[in-house]
Amino acid sequence: MDWGAAAYRARQHIGARKRTFPERECLALIDFFAEQQAVTAAEMQRHGSADFVATVLGHVTTAVHGKGHVPRVNGWYRRDEAGTGYVIDPGFAIAWRAARACDGPLTRP
């Protein structure tokens, strides 16, 4: 998987059009996830509701893998073994952080 291209597609997808949730909040969630690399559902929900988290993860999944469920093997993220948290693929996390380091908002606030 070309994680650099995947991170680029995810960033473009989040900023492509008006979303239910503000772009800034969506990016903050993925930034947090990429930085922490493994988080609980409760930690993710500090950024917003369970619906918000699911929506943002779904947008990134669509951009990276296409429509459908998150792949358990070779996906950009997976659920942890207990099913209570999330683990991001290290390659995607690195690519996301690198892309975001020189990124500006694609849309206006």
C-alpha atoms as a PDB file:
ATOM      1  CA  MET A   1       0.000   0.000   0.000  1.00  0.00           C
ATOM      2  CA  ASP A   2       1.254   3.475  -0.861  1.00  0.00           C
ATOM      3  CA  TRP A   3       0.426   5.165   2.451  1.00  0.00           C
ATOM      4  CA  GLY A   4       1.565   8.567   1.204  1.00  0.00           C
ATOM      5  CA  ALA A   5      -0.985   8.467  -1.612  1.00  0.00           C
ATOM      6  CA  ALA A   6      -3.605   7.090   0.783  1.00  0.00           C
ATOM      7  CA  ALA A   7      -3.046   9.927   3.256  1.00  0.00           C
ATOM      8  CA  TYR A   8      -3.263  12.447   0.418  1.00  0.00           C
ATOM      9  CA  ARG A   9      -6.560  10.961  -0.800  1.00  0.00           C
ATOM     10  CA  ALA A  10      -7.928  10.985   2.751  1.00  0.00           C
ATOM     11  CA  ARG A  11      -6.995  14.636   3.233  1.00  0.00           C
ATOM     12  CA  GLN A  12      -8.539  15.581  -0.096  1.00  0.00           C
ATOM     13  CA  HIS A  13     -11.701  13.630   0.696  1.00  0.00           C
ATOM     14  CA  ILE A  14     -12.182  15.338   4.059  1.00  0.00           C
ATOM     15  CA  GLY A  15     -11.787  18.782   2.491  1.00  0.00           C
ATOM     16  CA  ALA A  16     -13.609  18.066  -0.777  1.00  0.00           C
ATOM     17  CA  ARG A  17     -17.032  19.438   0.106  1.00  0.00           C
ATOM     18  CA  LYS A  18     -19.141  20.626   2.955  1.00  0.00           C
ATOM     19  CA  ARG A  19     -19.479  17.803   5.458  1.00  0.00           C
ATOM     20  CA  THR A  20     -21.825  17.211   8.372  1.00  0.00           C
ATOM     21  CA  PHE A  21     -18.930  17.975  10.708  1.00  0.00           C
ATOM     22  CA  PRO A  22     -16.431  20.838  10.326  1.00  0.00           C
ATOM     23  CA  GLU A  23     -13.220  20.016   8.482  1.00  0.00           C
ATOM     24  CA  ARG A  24     -11.099  21.363  11.349  1.00  0.00           C
ATOM     25  CA  GLU A  25     -12.683  18.908  13.810  1.00  0.00           C
ATOM     26  CA  CYS A  26     -12.360  15.975  11.425  1.00  0.00           C
ATOM     27  CA  LEU A  27      -8.682  16.699  10.856  1.00  0.00           C
ATOM     28  CA  ALA A  28      -8.088  17.101  14.592  1.00  0.00           C
ATOM     29  CA  LEU A  29      -9.486  13.624  15.224  1.00  0.00           C
ATOM     30  CA  ILE A  30      -7.265  11.973  12.620  1.00  0.00           C
ATOM     31  CA  ASP A  31      -4.272  14.051  13.779  1.00  0.00           C
ATOM     32  CA  PHE A  32      -4.855  12.796  17.327  1.00  0.00           C
ATOM     33  CA  PHE A  33      -5.226   9.196  16.164  1.00  0.00           C
ATOM     34  CA  ALA A  34      -2.063   9.385  14.040  1.00  0.00           C
ATOM     35  CA  GLU A  35      -0.107  10.843  16.942  1.00  0.00           C
ATOM     36  CA  GLN A  36      -1.321   8.364  19.575  1.00  0.00           C
ATOM     37  CA  GLN A  37      -1.444   5.337  17.225  1.00  0.00           C
ATOM     38  CA  ALA A  38      -3.597   3.290  19.620  1.00  0.00           C
ATOM     39  CA  VAL A  39      -6.598   4.802  21.387  1.00  0.00           C
ATOM     40  CA  THR A  40      -9.729   3.728  23.190  1.00  0.00           C
ATOM     41  CA  ALA A  41     -13.192   4.575  21.971  1.00  0.00           C
ATOM     42  CA  ALA A  42     -13.544   6.934  24.952  1.00  0.00           C
ATOM     43  CA  GLU A  43     -10.381   8.807  23.941  1.00  0.00           C
ATOM     44  CA  MET A  44     -11.697   9.186  20.395  1.00  0.00           C
ATOM     45  CA  GLN A  45     -15.018  10.449  21.736  1.00  0.00           C
ATOM     46  CA  ARG A  46     -13.281  13.290  23.554  1.00  0.00           C
ATOM     47  CA  HIS A  47     -13.225  14.821  20.077  1.00  0.00           C
ATOM     48  CA  GLY A  48     -16.917  14.233  19.438  1.00  0.00           C
ATOM     49  CA  SER A  49     -19.795  11.806  19.631  1.00  0.00           C
ATOM     50  CA  ALA A  50     -19.632   8.160  18.589  1.00  0.00           C
ATOM     51  CA  ASP A  51     -21.448   9.225  15.399  1.00  0.00           C
ATOM     52  CA  PHE A  52     -18.781  11.845  14.726  1.00  0.00           C
ATOM     53  CA  VAL A  53     -15.957   9.314  15.208  1.00  0.00           C
ATOM     54  CA  ALA A  54     -17.659   6.734  12.975  1.00  0.00           C
ATOM     55  CA  THR A  55     -18.333   9.331  10.288  1.00  0.00           C
ATOM     56  CA  VAL A  56     -14.755  10.589  10.196  1.00  0.00           C
ATOM     57  CA  LEU A  57     -13.280   7.081  10.206  1.00  0.00           C
ATOM     58  CA  GLY A  58     -15.708   6.196   7.431  1.00  0.00           C
ATOM     59  CA  HIS A  59     -14.628   9.141   5.279  1.00  0.00           C
ATOM     60  CA  VAL A  60     -10.973   8.179   5.615  1.00  0.00           C
ATOM     61  CA  THR A  61     -11.793   4.537   4.907  1.00  0.00           C
ATOM     62  CA  THR A  62     -13.667   5.490   1.740  1.00  0.00           C
ATOM     63  CA  ALA A  63     -10.729   7.591   0.550  1.00  0.00           C
ATOM     64  CA  VAL A  64      -8.134   4.927   1.352  1.00  0.00           C
ATOM     65  CA  HIS A  65      -9.905   1.656   0.534  1.00  0.00           C
ATOM     66  CA  GLY A  66     -13.091   2.579  -1.290  1.00  0.00           C
ATOM     67  CA  LYS A  67     -16.602   1.966  -0.030  1.00  0.00           C
ATOM     68  CA  GLY A  68     -17.133  -0.883   2.381  1.00  0.00           C
ATOM     69  CA  HIS A  69     -15.940  -2.070   5.738  1.00  0.00           C
ATOM     70  CA  VAL A  70     -12.506  -1.334   7.147  1.00  0.00           C
ATOM     71  CA  PRO A  71     -10.222  -4.184   6.177  1.00  0.00           C
ATOM     72  CA  ARG A  72      -8.886  -6.027   9.209  1.00  0.00           C
ATOM     73  CA  VAL A  73      -5.699  -6.986   7.390  1.00  0.00           C
ATOM     74  CA  ASN A  74      -3.693  -4.205   5.750  1.00  0.00           C
ATOM     75  CA  GLY A  75      -6.293  -1.556   6.539  1.00  0.00           C
ATOM     76  CA  TRP A  76      -5.430   1.997   7.526  1.00  0.00           C
ATOM     77  CA  TYR A  77      -6.763   1.147  10.986  1.00  0.00           C
ATOM     78  CA  ARG A  78      -8.243  -1.789  12.842  1.00  0.00           C
ATOM     79  CA  ARG A  79     -10.043  -2.461  16.100  1.00  0.00           C
ATOM     80  CA  ASP A  80      -7.832  -3.691  18.925  1.00  0.00           C
ATOM     81  CA  GLU A  81      -8.017  -7.294  20.090  1.00  0.00           C
ATOM     82  CA  ALA A  82     -10.483  -6.459  22.867  1.00  0.00           C
ATOM     83  CA  GLY A  83     -12.713  -4.562  20.428  1.00  0.00           C
ATOM     84  CA  THR A  84     -12.710  -1.490  22.666  1.00  0.00           C
ATOM     85  CA  GLY A  85     -10.167   0.642  20.870  1.00  0.00           C
ATOM     86  CA  TYR A  86      -8.555   1.512  17.578  1.00  0.00           C
ATOM     87  CA  VAL A  87      -5.045   0.959  16.215  1.00  0.00           C
ATOM     88  CA  ILE A  88      -3.812   2.922  13.216  1.00  0.00           C
ATOM     89  CA  ASP A  89      -1.419   1.392  10.701  1.00  0.00           C
ATOM     90  CA  PRO A  90       2.028   2.856  11.467  1.00  0.00           C
ATOM     91  CA  GLY A  91       2.684   3.561   7.780  1.00  0.00           C
ATOM     92  CA  PHE A  92      -0.528   5.530   7.426  1.00  0.00           C
ATOM     93  CA  ALA A  93       0.167   7.409  10.671  1.00  0.00           C
ATOM     94  CA  ILE A  94       3.618   8.465   9.450  1.00  0.00           C
ATOM     95  CA  ALA A  95       2.284   9.485   6.037  1.00  0.00           C
ATOM     96  CA  TRP A  96      -0.612  11.418   7.594  1.00  0.00           C
ATOM     97  CA  ARG A  97       1.636  13.319  10.016  1.00  0.00           C
ATOM     98  CA  ALA A  98       4.122  14.113   7.245  1.00  0.00           C
ATOM     99  CA  ALA A  99       1.396  15.401   4.953  1.00  0.00           C
ATOM    100  CA  ARG A 100      -0.199  17.451   7.716  1.00  0.00           C
ATOM    101  CA  ALA A 101       3.120  19.005   8.723  1.00  0.00           C
ATOM    102  CA  CYS A 102       3.035  21.138   5.582  1.00  0.00           C
ATOM    103  CA  ASP A 103      -0.731  21.261   5.104  1.00  0.00           C
ATOM    104  CA  GLY A 104      -3.091  24.182   5.293  1.00  0.00           C
ATOM    105  CA  PRO A 105      -6.878  24.016   5.314  1.00  0.00           C
ATOM    106  CA  LEU A 106      -8.381  23.196   1.942  1.00  0.00           C
ATOM    107  CA  THR A 107     -11.574  25.028   2.771  1.00  0.00           C
ATOM    108  CA  ARG A 108     -12.283  28.294   4.483  1.00  0.00           C
ATOM    109  CA  PRO A 109     -13.712  28.244   8.032  1.00  0.00           C
END
